[in-house]
Amino acid sequence: MLKIIGSLVISLIFWAAFLLLFQNGVIPIEKGGASNVAGAWLASTFIPSSLIVMGVTLFAAGIWFFLSSRSQDDERCYEQVKYWWGLLMLPLATIGVVTFAYRESLKDAVVYILISHVLHVIWIYWIGTCLSSQNFAKYILPGSRKIRSIASSIGIPV
């Protein structure tokens, strides 16, 4: 669970970076738009949509952590990987719903917001679950061997 929290912290760093990029006009909210709308737009669109995506992603990762901790043997783990893919659909569907719900206010920044949301899912769900899966479930997730190898090489205990 600590590794999922670590993934959340990295995701929050990405979120803060995007926040600063929008706030300082590095990433334009509107083509040729005034930068004075940035604060209101961030408060009404970017921050809530990001928090929703991060919350659902963290929820899905927590469910996977619980499921993988109960794994008893290899055969059952391979059956459970379908739950990992199913749980991945929660944050991905949330990105779609949030994008639809905020479509009027996303303006020209929609691509950057989608990139931000996908980075949250990658860091919190995929990398977080690959690093925190326990017992027999450690190596059944896509890319988990490579992710664990990279994490180990930079000093993260796996």
N, C-alpha and C. Protein backbone atom coordinates (compact mmCIF):
# COMPACT_ATOMS: atom_id res chain seq x y z
N MET A 1 0.83 -1.20 0.00
CA MET A 1 0.00 0.00 0.00
C MET A 1 0.87 1.26 0.00
N LEU A 2 2.02 1.17 0.65
CA LEU A 2 2.93 2.31 0.70
C LEU A 2 3.41 2.70 -0.70
N LYS A 3 3.58 1.71 -1.56
CA LYS A 3 4.03 1.99 -2.93
C LYS A 3 2.94 2.67 -3.73
N ILE A 4 1.68 2.33 -3.47
CA ILE A 4 0.58 3.03 -4.14
C ILE A 4 0.57 4.49 -3.70
N ILE A 5 0.82 4.72 -2.43
CA ILE A 5 0.88 6.10 -1.92
C ILE A 5 2.05 6.84 -2.57
N GLY A 6 3.18 6.15 -2.73
CA GLY A 6 4.32 6.74 -3.43
C GLY A 6 3.98 7.10 -4.86
N SER A 7 3.23 6.23 -5.53
CA SER A 7 2.79 6.51 -6.90
C SER A 7 1.85 7.71 -6.91
N LEU A 8 1.01 7.81 -5.89
CA LEU A 8 0.11 8.97 -5.78
C LEU A 8 0.91 10.25 -5.62
N VAL A 9 1.96 10.21 -4.81
CA VAL A 9 2.80 11.39 -4.61
C VAL A 9 3.43 11.82 -5.94
N ILE A 10 3.96 10.87 -6.70
CA ILE A 10 4.54 11.20 -8.01
C ILE A 10 3.47 11.78 -8.92
N SER A 11 2.27 11.21 -8.89
CA SER A 11 1.17 11.73 -9.69
C SER A 11 0.82 13.16 -9.28
N LEU A 12 0.85 13.43 -7.99
CA LEU A 12 0.57 14.79 -7.51
C LEU A 12 1.64 15.78 -7.97
N ILE A 13 2.87 15.31 -8.09
CA ILE A 13 3.94 16.17 -8.62
C ILE A 13 3.65 16.51 -10.08
N PHE A 14 3.23 15.51 -10.87
CA PHE A 14 2.83 15.78 -12.25
C PHE A 14 1.67 16.77 -12.29
N TRP A 15 0.71 16.55 -11.40
CA TRP A 15 -0.47 17.41 -11.34
C TRP A 15 -0.06 18.85 -11.04
N ALA A 16 0.82 19.02 -10.07
CA ALA A 16 1.29 20.37 -9.72
C ALA A 16 2.04 21.00 -10.88
N ALA A 17 2.81 20.20 -11.61
CA ALA A 17 3.54 20.73 -12.76
C ALA A 17 2.56 21.21 -13.83
N PHE A 18 1.53 20.41 -14.12
CA PHE A 18 0.52 20.84 -15.09
C PHE A 18 -0.19 22.09 -14.60
N LEU A 19 -0.50 22.13 -13.32
CA LEU A 19 -1.16 23.29 -12.73
C LEU A 19 -0.33 24.55 -12.96
N LEU A 20 0.96 24.47 -12.70
CA LEU A 20 1.84 25.61 -12.92
C LEU A 20 1.96 25.98 -14.40
N LEU A 21 2.00 24.97 -15.26
CA LEU A 21 2.10 25.24 -16.69
C LEU A 21 0.85 25.96 -17.20
N PHE A 22 -0.31 25.56 -16.72
CA PHE A 22 -1.56 26.25 -17.09
C PHE A 22 -1.59 27.65 -16.48
N GLN A 23 -1.25 27.73 -15.21
CA GLN A 23 -1.34 28.99 -14.48
C GLN A 23 -0.42 30.06 -15.07
N ASN A 24 0.76 29.66 -15.50
CA ASN A 24 1.73 30.61 -16.05
C ASN A 24 1.59 30.81 -17.55
N GLY A 25 0.59 30.18 -18.16
CA GLY A 25 0.35 30.39 -19.58
C GLY A 25 1.28 29.63 -20.51
N VAL A 26 2.11 28.74 -19.96
CA VAL A 26 2.99 27.93 -20.81
C VAL A 26 2.14 27.02 -21.69
N ILE A 27 1.12 26.43 -21.09
CA ILE A 27 0.11 25.68 -21.85
C ILE A 27 -1.12 26.58 -21.92
N PRO A 28 -1.47 27.03 -23.12
CA PRO A 28 -2.61 27.95 -23.23
C PRO A 28 -3.94 27.24 -23.01
N ILE A 29 -4.81 27.90 -22.30
CA ILE A 29 -6.16 27.38 -22.09
C ILE A 29 -7.01 27.64 -23.33
N GLU A 30 -6.83 28.82 -23.90
CA GLU A 30 -7.50 29.19 -25.15
C GLU A 30 -6.46 29.79 -26.07
N LYS A 31 -6.60 29.52 -27.35
CA LYS A 31 -5.69 30.14 -28.31
C LYS A 31 -5.92 31.64 -28.30
N GLY A 32 -4.88 32.38 -28.02
CA GLY A 32 -4.99 33.83 -27.99
C GLY A 32 -5.82 34.36 -26.84
N GLY A 33 -6.16 33.48 -25.89
CA GLY A 33 -7.01 33.88 -24.77
C GLY A 33 -6.24 34.66 -23.72
N ALA A 34 -6.96 35.37 -22.92
CA ALA A 34 -6.35 36.15 -21.85
C ALA A 34 -5.91 35.23 -20.73
N SER A 35 -4.77 35.52 -20.14
CA SER A 35 -4.26 34.68 -19.07
C SER A 35 -5.00 34.92 -17.75
N ASN A 36 -5.83 35.97 -17.70
CA ASN A 36 -6.54 36.25 -16.45
C ASN A 36 -7.66 35.26 -16.18
N VAL A 37 -8.02 34.44 -17.15
CA VAL A 37 -9.05 33.43 -16.92
C VAL A 37 -8.46 32.15 -16.32
N ALA A 38 -7.14 32.07 -16.27
CA ALA A 38 -6.49 30.83 -15.83
C ALA A 38 -6.91 30.42 -14.42
N GLY A 39 -6.92 31.35 -13.48
CA GLY A 39 -7.26 31.00 -12.10
C GLY A 39 -8.66 30.44 -11.96
N ALA A 40 -9.62 31.09 -12.58
CA ALA A 40 -11.01 30.62 -12.51
C ALA A 40 -11.16 29.28 -13.23
N TRP A 41 -10.51 29.14 -14.37
CA TRP A 41 -10.60 27.90 -15.14
C TRP A 41 -9.96 26.74 -14.37
N LEU A 42 -8.82 27.00 -13.75
CA LEU A 42 -8.17 25.95 -12.97
C LEU A 42 -9.06 25.50 -11.82
N ALA A 43 -9.68 26.46 -11.14
CA ALA A 43 -10.53 26.13 -9.99
C ALA A 43 -11.82 25.44 -10.40
N SER A 44 -12.36 25.78 -11.57
CA SER A 44 -13.65 25.22 -11.96
C SER A 44 -13.55 23.99 -12.86
N THR A 45 -12.41 23.77 -13.49
CA THR A 45 -12.31 22.67 -14.45
C THR A 45 -11.15 21.73 -14.16
N PHE A 46 -9.94 22.23 -14.20
CA PHE A 46 -8.77 21.36 -14.10
C PHE A 46 -8.67 20.67 -12.75
N ILE A 47 -8.78 21.42 -11.68
CA ILE A 47 -8.62 20.83 -10.34
C ILE A 47 -9.71 19.80 -10.05
N PRO A 48 -11.00 20.12 -10.24
CA PRO A 48 -12.01 19.10 -9.94
C PRO A 48 -11.90 17.86 -10.83
N SER A 49 -11.67 18.06 -12.13
CA SER A 49 -11.59 16.89 -13.01
C SER A 49 -10.39 16.02 -12.65
N SER A 50 -9.27 16.63 -12.32
CA SER A 50 -8.09 15.86 -11.93
C SER A 50 -8.31 15.11 -10.62
N LEU A 51 -8.93 15.76 -9.66
CA LEU A 51 -9.18 15.10 -8.37
C LEU A 51 -10.14 13.92 -8.52
N ILE A 52 -11.12 14.06 -9.40
CA ILE A 52 -12.05 12.95 -9.64
C ILE A 52 -11.30 11.77 -10.25
N VAL A 53 -10.49 12.03 -11.27
CA VAL A 53 -9.74 10.95 -11.92
C VAL A 53 -8.76 10.31 -10.93
N MET A 54 -8.04 11.13 -10.16
CA MET A 54 -7.09 10.57 -9.19
C MET A 54 -7.81 9.76 -8.12
N GLY A 55 -8.96 10.23 -7.65
CA GLY A 55 -9.71 9.51 -6.63
C GLY A 55 -10.19 8.15 -7.10
N VAL A 56 -10.77 8.11 -8.29
CA VAL A 56 -11.25 6.83 -8.84
C VAL A 56 -10.08 5.89 -9.11
N THR A 57 -8.98 6.43 -9.60
CA THR A 57 -7.80 5.61 -9.87
C THR A 57 -7.23 5.03 -8.58
N LEU A 58 -7.16 5.83 -7.55
CA LEU A 58 -6.68 5.36 -6.25
C LEU A 58 -7.62 4.30 -5.68
N PHE A 59 -8.92 4.49 -5.85
CA PHE A 59 -9.91 3.51 -5.40
C PHE A 59 -9.70 2.17 -6.11
N ALA A 60 -9.52 2.21 -7.44
CA ALA A 60 -9.30 0.99 -8.22
C ALA A 60 -8.00 0.30 -7.79
N ALA A 61 -6.95 1.08 -7.56
CA ALA A 61 -5.68 0.51 -7.11
C ALA A 61 -5.83 -0.12 -5.72
N GLY A 62 -6.59 0.50 -4.85
CA GLY A 62 -6.82 -0.05 -3.52
C GLY A 62 -7.57 -1.38 -3.57
N ILE A 63 -8.55 -1.47 -4.46
CA ILE A 63 -9.28 -2.73 -4.62
C ILE A 63 -8.32 -3.82 -5.11
N TRP A 64 -7.48 -3.48 -6.11
CA TRP A 64 -6.52 -4.47 -6.60
C TRP A 64 -5.56 -4.89 -5.49
N PHE A 65 -5.10 -3.96 -4.71
CA PHE A 65 -4.19 -4.28 -3.61
C PHE A 65 -4.84 -5.29 -2.68
N PHE A 66 -6.11 -5.08 -2.36
CA PHE A 66 -6.84 -6.01 -1.49
C PHE A 66 -6.97 -7.38 -2.16
N LEU A 67 -7.35 -7.40 -3.44
CA LEU A 67 -7.51 -8.68 -4.14
C LEU A 67 -6.19 -9.44 -4.24
N SER A 68 -5.12 -8.73 -4.58
CA SER A 68 -3.83 -9.42 -4.76
C SER A 68 -3.25 -9.90 -3.43
N SER A 69 -3.59 -9.26 -2.35
CA SER A 69 -3.08 -9.69 -1.05
C SER A 69 -3.73 -10.99 -0.58
N ARG A 70 -4.86 -11.32 -1.17
CA ARG A 70 -5.58 -12.54 -0.79
C ARG A 70 -5.22 -13.73 -1.68
N SER A 71 -4.31 -13.53 -2.65
CA SER A 71 -3.95 -14.60 -3.57
C SER A 71 -3.26 -15.74 -2.83
N GLN A 72 -3.69 -16.94 -3.12
CA GLN A 72 -3.15 -18.11 -2.45
C GLN A 72 -2.17 -18.90 -3.32
N ASP A 73 -2.39 -18.91 -4.63
CA ASP A 73 -1.52 -19.70 -5.50
C ASP A 73 -1.47 -19.09 -6.89
N ASP A 74 -0.55 -19.60 -7.70
CA ASP A 74 -0.35 -19.07 -9.06
C ASP A 74 -1.61 -19.15 -9.91
N GLU A 75 -2.30 -20.28 -9.85
CA GLU A 75 -3.46 -20.46 -10.72
C GLU A 75 -4.55 -19.43 -10.41
N ARG A 76 -4.79 -19.19 -9.16
CA ARG A 76 -5.81 -18.21 -8.77
C ARG A 76 -5.38 -16.80 -9.19
N CYS A 77 -4.08 -16.51 -9.10
CA CYS A 77 -3.57 -15.19 -9.50
C CYS A 77 -3.82 -14.94 -10.98
N TYR A 78 -3.55 -15.94 -11.79
CA TYR A 78 -3.76 -15.76 -13.23
C TYR A 78 -5.24 -15.56 -13.54
N GLU A 79 -6.10 -16.13 -12.74
CA GLU A 79 -7.53 -15.86 -12.90
C GLU A 79 -7.87 -14.44 -12.48
N GLN A 80 -7.16 -13.93 -11.48
CA GLN A 80 -7.46 -12.59 -10.96
C GLN A 80 -6.99 -11.46 -11.86
N VAL A 81 -6.09 -11.74 -12.80
CA VAL A 81 -5.58 -10.67 -13.64
C VAL A 81 -6.71 -10.03 -14.45
N LYS A 82 -7.77 -10.78 -14.71
CA LYS A 82 -8.92 -10.19 -15.42
C LYS A 82 -9.56 -9.09 -14.57
N TYR A 83 -9.47 -9.22 -13.24
CA TYR A 83 -9.99 -8.16 -12.38
C TYR A 83 -9.14 -6.89 -12.49
N TRP A 84 -7.83 -7.07 -12.65
CA TRP A 84 -6.94 -5.92 -12.82
C TRP A 84 -7.35 -5.15 -14.07
N TRP A 85 -7.57 -5.88 -15.17
CA TRP A 85 -7.99 -5.22 -16.42
C TRP A 85 -9.36 -4.58 -16.24
N GLY A 86 -10.26 -5.25 -15.56
CA GLY A 86 -11.59 -4.68 -15.31
C GLY A 86 -11.52 -3.42 -14.45
N LEU A 87 -10.68 -3.46 -13.42
CA LEU A 87 -10.52 -2.28 -12.57
C LEU A 87 -9.86 -1.13 -13.32
N LEU A 88 -9.01 -1.44 -14.30
CA LEU A 88 -8.40 -0.39 -15.12
C LEU A 88 -9.47 0.37 -15.90
N MET A 89 -10.56 -0.30 -16.22
CA MET A 89 -11.63 0.37 -16.97
C MET A 89 -12.30 1.48 -16.14
N LEU A 90 -12.28 1.37 -14.81
CA LEU A 90 -12.87 2.42 -13.97
C LEU A 90 -12.22 3.78 -14.20
N PRO A 91 -10.88 3.90 -14.04
CA PRO A 91 -10.29 5.22 -14.29
C PRO A 91 -10.38 5.66 -15.75
N LEU A 92 -10.27 4.71 -16.68
CA LEU A 92 -10.37 5.09 -18.09
C LEU A 92 -11.76 5.60 -18.43
N ALA A 93 -12.78 4.93 -17.91
CA ALA A 93 -14.15 5.41 -18.12
C ALA A 93 -14.36 6.75 -17.44
N THR A 94 -13.74 6.93 -16.28
CA THR A 94 -13.85 8.21 -15.57
C THR A 94 -13.25 9.34 -16.40
N ILE A 95 -12.13 9.08 -17.07
CA ILE A 95 -11.55 10.10 -17.94
C ILE A 95 -12.56 10.49 -19.02
N GLY A 96 -13.22 9.50 -19.61
CA GLY A 96 -14.24 9.79 -20.63
C GLY A 96 -15.40 10.59 -20.07
N VAL A 97 -15.89 10.20 -18.91
CA VAL A 97 -17.03 10.89 -18.29
C VAL A 97 -16.65 12.32 -17.92
N VAL A 98 -15.48 12.50 -17.32
CA VAL A 98 -15.03 13.83 -16.92
C VAL A 98 -14.83 14.72 -18.15
N THR A 99 -14.25 14.16 -19.19
CA THR A 99 -14.05 14.94 -20.42
C THR A 99 -15.39 15.35 -21.00
N PHE A 100 -16.36 14.46 -20.99
CA PHE A 100 -17.69 14.80 -21.50
C PHE A 100 -18.36 15.84 -20.60
N ALA A 101 -18.27 15.65 -19.30
CA ALA A 101 -18.93 16.55 -18.36
C ALA A 101 -18.36 17.97 -18.42
N TYR A 102 -17.07 18.08 -18.64
CA TYR A 102 -16.41 19.39 -18.67
C TYR A 102 -16.13 19.86 -20.10
N ARG A 103 -16.76 19.27 -21.10
CA ARG A 103 -16.44 19.55 -22.49
C ARG A 103 -16.56 21.02 -22.86
N GLU A 104 -17.51 21.73 -22.27
CA GLU A 104 -17.70 23.15 -22.60
C GLU A 104 -16.56 24.01 -22.06
N SER A 105 -16.02 23.62 -20.93
CA SER A 105 -14.99 24.47 -20.31
C SER A 105 -13.56 23.99 -20.57
N LEU A 106 -13.41 22.87 -21.27
CA LEU A 106 -12.05 22.37 -21.51
C LEU A 106 -11.28 23.24 -22.49
N LYS A 107 -11.99 23.90 -23.36
CA LYS A 107 -11.41 24.83 -24.32
C LYS A 107 -10.33 24.15 -25.15
N ASP A 108 -9.25 24.85 -25.44
CA ASP A 108 -8.18 24.30 -26.28
C ASP A 108 -7.20 23.44 -25.49
N ALA A 109 -7.38 23.35 -24.21
CA ALA A 109 -6.45 22.60 -23.36
C ALA A 109 -6.84 21.13 -23.22
N VAL A 110 -7.83 20.67 -23.97
CA VAL A 110 -8.34 19.31 -23.79
C VAL A 110 -7.25 18.25 -23.95
N VAL A 111 -6.36 18.40 -24.92
CA VAL A 111 -5.31 17.41 -25.13
C VAL A 111 -4.39 17.34 -23.91
N TYR A 112 -4.04 18.50 -23.37
CA TYR A 112 -3.15 18.53 -22.21
C TYR A 112 -3.82 17.97 -20.96
N ILE A 113 -5.10 18.20 -20.83
CA ILE A 113 -5.82 17.63 -19.69
C ILE A 113 -5.89 16.11 -19.83
N LEU A 114 -6.14 15.62 -21.04
CA LEU A 114 -6.17 14.17 -21.25
C LEU A 114 -4.80 13.56 -20.94
N ILE A 115 -3.73 14.22 -21.36
CA ILE A 115 -2.38 13.74 -21.05
C ILE A 115 -2.19 13.69 -19.53
N SER A 116 -2.61 14.73 -18.85
CA SER A 116 -2.50 14.77 -17.39
C SER A 116 -3.27 13.62 -16.75
N HIS A 117 -4.50 13.39 -17.20
CA HIS A 117 -5.32 12.31 -16.63
C HIS A 117 -4.71 10.94 -16.90
N VAL A 118 -4.20 10.73 -18.10
CA VAL A 118 -3.59 9.44 -18.43
C VAL A 118 -2.33 9.22 -17.59
N LEU A 119 -1.56 10.27 -17.36
CA LEU A 119 -0.39 10.14 -16.48
C LEU A 119 -0.80 9.73 -15.07
N HIS A 120 -1.92 10.26 -14.58
CA HIS A 120 -2.41 9.85 -13.26
C HIS A 120 -2.71 8.35 -13.24
N VAL A 121 -3.38 7.87 -14.27
CA VAL A 121 -3.73 6.45 -14.33
C VAL A 121 -2.46 5.60 -14.42
N ILE A 122 -1.51 6.04 -15.23
CA ILE A 122 -0.26 5.27 -15.36
C ILE A 122 0.46 5.21 -14.03
N TRP A 123 0.63 6.35 -13.37
CA TRP A 123 1.42 6.36 -12.14
C TRP A 123 0.69 5.74 -10.96
N ILE A 124 -0.56 6.07 -10.79
CA ILE A 124 -1.27 5.56 -9.61
C ILE A 124 -1.70 4.11 -9.80
N TYR A 125 -2.29 3.81 -10.95
CA TYR A 125 -2.85 2.47 -11.11
C TYR A 125 -1.81 1.47 -11.62
N TRP A 126 -1.28 1.71 -12.82
CA TRP A 126 -0.42 0.70 -13.43
C TRP A 126 0.87 0.52 -12.64
N ILE A 127 1.65 1.58 -12.48
CA ILE A 127 2.93 1.44 -11.78
C ILE A 127 2.69 1.15 -10.29
N GLY A 128 1.71 1.79 -9.70
CA GLY A 128 1.41 1.54 -8.29
C GLY A 128 1.04 0.10 -8.02
N THR A 129 0.19 -0.48 -8.87
CA THR A 129 -0.21 -1.87 -8.64
C THR A 129 0.90 -2.84 -9.00
N CYS A 130 1.70 -2.52 -10.01
CA CYS A 130 2.83 -3.40 -10.34
C CYS A 130 3.82 -3.47 -9.18
N LEU A 131 4.05 -2.36 -8.52
CA LEU A 131 5.01 -2.34 -7.42
C LEU A 131 4.44 -2.87 -6.11
N SER A 132 3.13 -2.76 -5.93
CA SER A 132 2.56 -3.13 -4.63
C SER A 132 1.85 -4.47 -4.62
N SER A 133 1.70 -5.11 -5.77
CA SER A 133 1.07 -6.43 -5.77
C SER A 133 1.91 -7.38 -4.95
N GLN A 134 1.22 -8.24 -4.22
CA GLN A 134 1.91 -9.11 -3.28
C GLN A 134 1.84 -10.56 -3.71
N ASN A 135 2.56 -11.37 -2.97
CA ASN A 135 2.52 -12.81 -3.10
C ASN A 135 2.72 -13.25 -4.54
N PHE A 136 1.82 -14.10 -5.01
CA PHE A 136 1.93 -14.65 -6.35
C PHE A 136 1.56 -13.65 -7.44
N ALA A 137 0.91 -12.57 -7.07
CA ALA A 137 0.44 -11.60 -8.06
C ALA A 137 1.53 -10.63 -8.50
N LYS A 138 2.72 -10.73 -7.94
CA LYS A 138 3.79 -9.77 -8.22
C LYS A 138 4.10 -9.62 -9.70
N TYR A 139 4.14 -10.73 -10.42
CA TYR A 139 4.67 -10.70 -11.78
C TYR A 139 3.65 -10.99 -12.87
N ILE A 140 2.39 -10.99 -12.55
CA ILE A 140 1.40 -11.32 -13.58
C ILE A 140 0.87 -10.10 -14.32
N LEU A 141 1.12 -8.91 -13.80
CA LEU A 141 0.60 -7.70 -14.44
C LEU A 141 1.50 -7.30 -15.60
N PRO A 142 0.93 -6.65 -16.61
CA PRO A 142 1.73 -6.26 -17.78
C PRO A 142 2.88 -5.34 -17.39
N GLY A 143 4.08 -5.75 -17.75
CA GLY A 143 5.26 -4.93 -17.49
C GLY A 143 5.77 -4.95 -16.07
N SER A 144 5.18 -5.77 -15.20
CA SER A 144 5.56 -5.71 -13.79
C SER A 144 7.01 -6.13 -13.54
N ARG A 145 7.50 -7.11 -14.29
CA ARG A 145 8.90 -7.52 -14.10
C ARG A 145 9.84 -6.36 -14.42
N LYS A 146 9.60 -5.69 -15.53
CA LYS A 146 10.46 -4.57 -15.94
C LYS A 146 10.33 -3.40 -14.96
N ILE A 147 9.11 -3.08 -14.56
CA ILE A 147 8.89 -1.98 -13.62
C ILE A 147 9.57 -2.28 -12.29
N ARG A 148 9.43 -3.51 -11.80
CA ARG A 148 10.08 -3.89 -10.54
C ARG A 148 11.60 -3.86 -10.68
N SER A 149 12.11 -4.26 -11.84
CA SER A 149 13.55 -4.23 -12.08
C SER A 149 14.08 -2.80 -12.06
N ILE A 150 13.38 -1.89 -12.74
CA ILE A 150 13.78 -0.48 -12.76
C ILE A 150 13.71 0.11 -11.35
N ALA A 151 12.62 -0.17 -10.66
CA ALA A 151 12.45 0.35 -9.29
C ALA A 151 13.57 -0.16 -8.39
N SER A 152 13.90 -1.42 -8.52
CA SER A 152 14.97 -2.00 -7.70
C SER A 152 16.32 -1.37 -8.02
N SER A 153 16.55 -1.09 -9.30
CA SER A 153 17.85 -0.51 -9.70
C SER A 153 18.03 0.92 -9.20
N ILE A 154 16.92 1.62 -8.91
CA ILE A 154 17.06 2.99 -8.39
C ILE A 154 16.85 3.04 -6.87
N GLY A 155 16.81 1.86 -6.26
CA GLY A 155 16.81 1.81 -4.80
C GLY A 155 15.45 1.71 -4.14
N ILE A 156 14.39 1.49 -4.92
CA ILE A 156 13.06 1.32 -4.33
C ILE A 156 12.90 -0.15 -3.97
N PRO A 157 12.63 -0.46 -2.71
CA PRO A 157 12.47 -1.86 -2.33
C PRO A 157 11.20 -2.45 -2.94
N VAL A 158 11.36 -3.58 -3.62
CA VAL A 158 10.19 -4.22 -4.26
C VAL A 158 9.97 -5.61 -3.76
